[in-house]
């Protein structure tokens, strides 16, 4: 169909929607992909809904969109103790069966979206409101019990983010995720799911 859109993305909440919309709309050069047409839809049952019912919902877009992606958090998906790669395989098998074939992908963020926040980029501090603080954000997190793990990220990325925002009295909102997605350098992110997200897009929408 000549009027098909490039991509439909099923997300779990407004935080994820703001991240994906900002990345696809404003950061295509940093992602290493071409400009594309895309739409986003949220599942009312959030992460568990994306995992269990995402394929059924996306059947509505089989003819209108060329590709489909389903990113969601492992935490809250109902399969918290399962390897993210296993959950991705299960969801993709359902997508293939429901008509998408090889045109769809699942990306499971372990444990959750906030893990993408903790890249080594200096823009993280500014986006979280620490740009003018005399205290290092990383030093604060260590003192508060959120030291970096072997991957350089706190074990509980969401709690660490909330603590950082509380300290500088910056409200936690979906807008913060949009600011992070717009400002933070993408090259230093070592998160497995982020690499899967970008590699999938690069394969589908090469420059």
Protein backbone atom coordinates (compact mmCIF):
# COMPACT_ATOMS: atom_id res chain seq x y z
CA UNK A 1 0.00 0.00 0.00
CA UNK A 2 1.53 3.31 -1.09
CA UNK A 3 -0.05 5.23 1.77
CA UNK A 4 1.32 2.95 4.50
CA UNK A 5 3.04 4.57 7.46
CA UNK A 6 6.51 3.31 8.36
CA UNK A 7 6.08 2.29 11.99
CA UNK A 8 3.52 1.70 14.72
CA UNK A 9 4.85 1.55 18.28
CA UNK A 10 2.81 0.14 21.17
CA UNK A 11 3.94 1.67 24.47
CA UNK A 12 2.95 1.09 28.08
CA UNK A 13 2.62 4.63 29.42
CA UNK A 14 3.17 8.32 28.78
CA UNK A 15 6.79 8.18 29.97
CA UNK A 16 7.67 5.64 27.29
CA UNK A 17 5.56 7.49 24.73
CA UNK A 18 7.49 10.72 25.33
CA UNK A 19 10.84 8.95 25.01
CA UNK A 20 9.97 7.13 21.80
CA UNK A 21 8.21 10.12 20.23
CA UNK A 22 11.20 12.36 20.95
CA UNK A 23 13.76 9.85 19.69
CA UNK A 24 11.88 9.07 16.47
CA UNK A 25 10.84 12.65 15.83
CA UNK A 26 13.98 14.58 16.80
CA UNK A 27 16.97 12.21 17.10
CA UNK A 28 16.99 10.19 13.88
CA UNK A 29 20.52 11.31 13.02
CA UNK A 30 21.81 10.23 16.44
CA UNK A 31 19.95 6.91 16.06
CA UNK A 32 21.53 6.36 12.66
CA UNK A 33 18.23 6.06 10.78
CA UNK A 34 16.35 7.98 8.09
CA UNK A 35 13.37 10.22 8.68
CA UNK A 36 10.24 8.11 9.06
CA UNK A 37 6.50 8.31 9.54
CA UNK A 38 5.29 6.75 12.77
CA UNK A 39 2.40 6.49 15.20
CA UNK A 40 2.23 5.54 18.86
CA UNK A 41 -0.54 3.88 20.81
CA UNK A 42 -0.69 3.21 24.55
CA UNK A 43 -2.05 0.04 26.12
CA UNK A 44 -4.37 0.74 29.02
CA UNK A 45 -2.97 -2.25 30.95
CA UNK A 46 0.53 -0.83 30.67
CA UNK A 47 3.48 -3.25 30.61
CA UNK A 48 1.50 -6.43 31.24
CA UNK A 49 -0.99 -5.41 28.56
CA UNK A 50 1.79 -4.87 26.02
CA UNK A 51 3.16 -8.32 26.77
CA UNK A 52 -0.09 -10.27 26.88
CA UNK A 53 -2.35 -8.40 24.47
CA UNK A 54 -0.04 -6.27 22.35
CA UNK A 55 -0.19 -8.52 19.32
CA UNK A 56 -3.99 -8.59 19.35
CA UNK A 57 -4.14 -4.79 19.47
CA UNK A 58 -1.56 -4.42 16.70
CA UNK A 59 -3.62 -6.54 14.30
CA UNK A 60 -5.52 -3.31 13.66
CA UNK A 61 -2.39 -1.88 12.03
CA UNK A 62 -1.30 -4.78 9.84
CA UNK A 63 -2.29 -3.02 6.62
CA UNK A 64 -1.63 0.56 7.62
CA UNK A 65 1.96 0.26 8.88
CA UNK A 66 5.04 -1.46 7.48
CA UNK A 67 6.71 -2.31 10.79
CA UNK A 68 5.63 -2.66 14.42
CA UNK A 69 7.55 -2.43 17.67
CA UNK A 70 6.49 -3.32 21.22
CA UNK A 71 8.80 -1.92 23.92
CA UNK A 72 7.87 -2.43 27.57
CA UNK A 73 9.40 -2.86 31.04
CA UNK A 74 10.22 -6.29 32.37
CA UNK A 75 9.19 -5.00 35.81
CA UNK A 76 5.41 -4.97 35.83
CA UNK A 77 5.04 -7.20 32.79
CA UNK A 78 4.05 -10.27 34.79
CA UNK A 79 7.29 -12.01 33.83
CA UNK A 80 9.65 -10.10 36.13
CA UNK A 81 11.84 -13.13 36.87
CA UNK A 82 12.19 -14.24 33.25
CA UNK A 83 15.13 -13.29 31.06
CA UNK A 84 14.16 -10.36 28.81
CA UNK A 85 15.36 -12.24 25.73
CA UNK A 86 12.90 -15.05 26.50
CA UNK A 87 9.99 -12.63 26.88
CA UNK A 88 10.93 -10.90 23.63
CA UNK A 89 10.92 -14.24 21.84
CA UNK A 90 7.49 -15.12 23.18
CA UNK A 91 5.95 -11.81 22.12
CA UNK A 92 7.57 -11.92 18.69
CA UNK A 93 6.30 -15.45 18.12
CA UNK A 94 2.77 -14.18 18.74
CA UNK A 95 3.30 -11.22 16.44
CA UNK A 96 4.50 -13.54 13.67
CA UNK A 97 1.52 -15.82 14.15
CA UNK A 98 -0.90 -12.89 14.05
CA UNK A 99 0.29 -11.73 10.65
CA UNK A 100 3.32 -9.49 11.14
CA UNK A 101 5.85 -12.12 10.12
CA UNK A 102 9.32 -10.62 10.37
CA UNK A 103 7.95 -7.05 10.31
CA UNK A 104 7.64 -6.70 14.09
CA UNK A 105 9.96 -6.67 17.09
CA UNK A 106 9.65 -6.66 20.86
CA UNK A 107 12.11 -4.80 23.10
CA UNK A 108 12.03 -5.62 26.82
CA UNK A 109 13.64 -3.03 29.09
CA UNK A 110 15.18 -4.66 32.16
CA UNK A 111 14.24 -3.78 34.73
CA UNK A 112 12.49 -0.66 33.38
CA UNK A 113 12.65 2.44 31.21
CA UNK A 114 14.61 4.38 33.81
CA UNK A 115 17.62 2.18 33.05
CA UNK A 116 18.01 4.16 29.81
CA UNK A 117 18.40 7.33 31.90
CA UNK A 118 21.69 6.38 33.50
CA UNK A 119 24.08 6.80 30.61
CA UNK A 120 27.49 8.42 31.22
CA UNK A 121 26.40 11.47 29.22
CA UNK A 122 26.91 14.75 31.16
CA UNK A 123 23.54 15.91 29.86
CA UNK A 124 21.85 13.51 32.30
CA UNK A 125 22.74 15.77 35.22
CA UNK A 126 21.27 18.84 33.55
CA UNK A 127 18.10 17.09 32.40
CA UNK A 128 17.48 15.87 35.95
CA UNK A 129 17.98 19.38 37.37
CA UNK A 130 21.53 18.94 38.62
CA UNK A 131 23.16 21.31 36.15
CA UNK A 132 23.86 24.00 38.78
CA UNK A 133 24.30 21.78 41.82
CA UNK A 134 27.62 21.88 43.68
CA UNK A 135 27.17 18.21 44.56
CA UNK A 136 27.93 15.55 41.97
CA UNK A 137 24.83 13.57 41.04
CA UNK A 138 26.83 10.34 41.08
CA UNK A 139 28.27 11.13 44.52
CA UNK A 140 24.78 11.86 45.79
CA UNK A 141 23.48 8.53 44.50
CA UNK A 142 26.30 6.61 46.17
CA UNK A 143 25.66 8.41 49.47
CA UNK A 144 21.94 7.62 49.19
CA UNK A 145 22.55 3.91 48.61
CA UNK A 146 22.32 3.79 44.80
CA UNK A 147 25.90 2.97 43.75
CA UNK A 148 26.61 2.08 40.12
CA UNK A 149 26.76 -1.62 39.28
CA UNK A 150 29.12 -3.29 36.85
CA UNK A 151 27.17 -1.68 34.00
CA UNK A 152 27.56 1.79 35.53
CA UNK A 153 23.87 1.99 36.44
CA UNK A 154 22.08 1.84 39.82
CA UNK A 155 20.49 -1.53 40.60
CA UNK A 156 17.16 0.26 41.11
CA UNK A 157 17.20 2.87 38.34
CA UNK A 158 13.70 4.19 39.03
CA UNK A 159 14.27 4.74 42.75
CA UNK A 160 17.58 6.44 41.97
CA UNK A 161 15.91 8.78 39.50
CA UNK A 162 13.14 9.67 41.94
CA UNK A 163 15.69 10.37 44.70
CA UNK A 164 17.71 12.61 42.38
CA UNK A 165 14.62 14.61 41.38
CA UNK A 166 13.44 14.96 44.98
CA UNK A 167 16.84 16.30 46.06
CA UNK A 168 16.66 19.21 43.60
CA UNK A 169 12.88 19.58 43.97
CA UNK A 170 12.21 18.88 40.32
CA UNK A 171 8.79 17.31 39.75
CA UNK A 172 8.71 13.80 38.37
CA UNK A 173 6.71 13.92 35.16
CA UNK A 174 6.60 12.45 31.68
CA UNK A 175 8.11 15.72 30.47
CA UNK A 176 11.39 14.78 32.19
CA UNK A 177 11.64 11.73 29.94
CA UNK A 178 11.12 13.87 26.86
CA UNK A 179 13.86 16.23 28.04
CA UNK A 180 16.23 13.32 28.61
CA UNK A 181 15.50 11.81 25.21
CA UNK A 182 16.05 15.18 23.53
CA UNK A 183 19.25 16.18 25.32
CA UNK A 184 21.24 13.15 26.41
CA UNK A 185 23.94 11.79 24.11
CA UNK A 186 22.96 8.37 22.81
CA UNK A 187 26.37 6.98 21.93
CA UNK A 188 27.37 6.13 25.49
CA UNK A 189 24.27 4.17 26.48
CA UNK A 190 25.31 0.59 27.23
CA UNK A 191 21.86 -0.79 27.97
CA UNK A 192 21.11 -4.05 26.12
CA UNK A 193 17.55 -3.07 25.31
CA UNK A 194 18.59 0.33 23.96
CA UNK A 195 21.06 -1.34 21.62
CA UNK A 196 18.32 -3.71 20.48
CA UNK A 197 15.98 -0.75 19.95
CA UNK A 198 18.49 1.14 17.83
CA UNK A 199 19.76 -1.90 15.90
CA UNK A 200 16.21 -2.86 14.96
CA UNK A 201 15.43 0.63 13.72
CA UNK A 202 18.69 0.77 11.77
CA UNK A 203 17.85 -2.51 10.04
CA UNK A 204 14.36 -1.31 9.16
CA UNK A 205 15.10 2.32 8.28
CA UNK A 206 18.71 2.65 7.10
CA UNK A 207 20.04 6.03 6.09
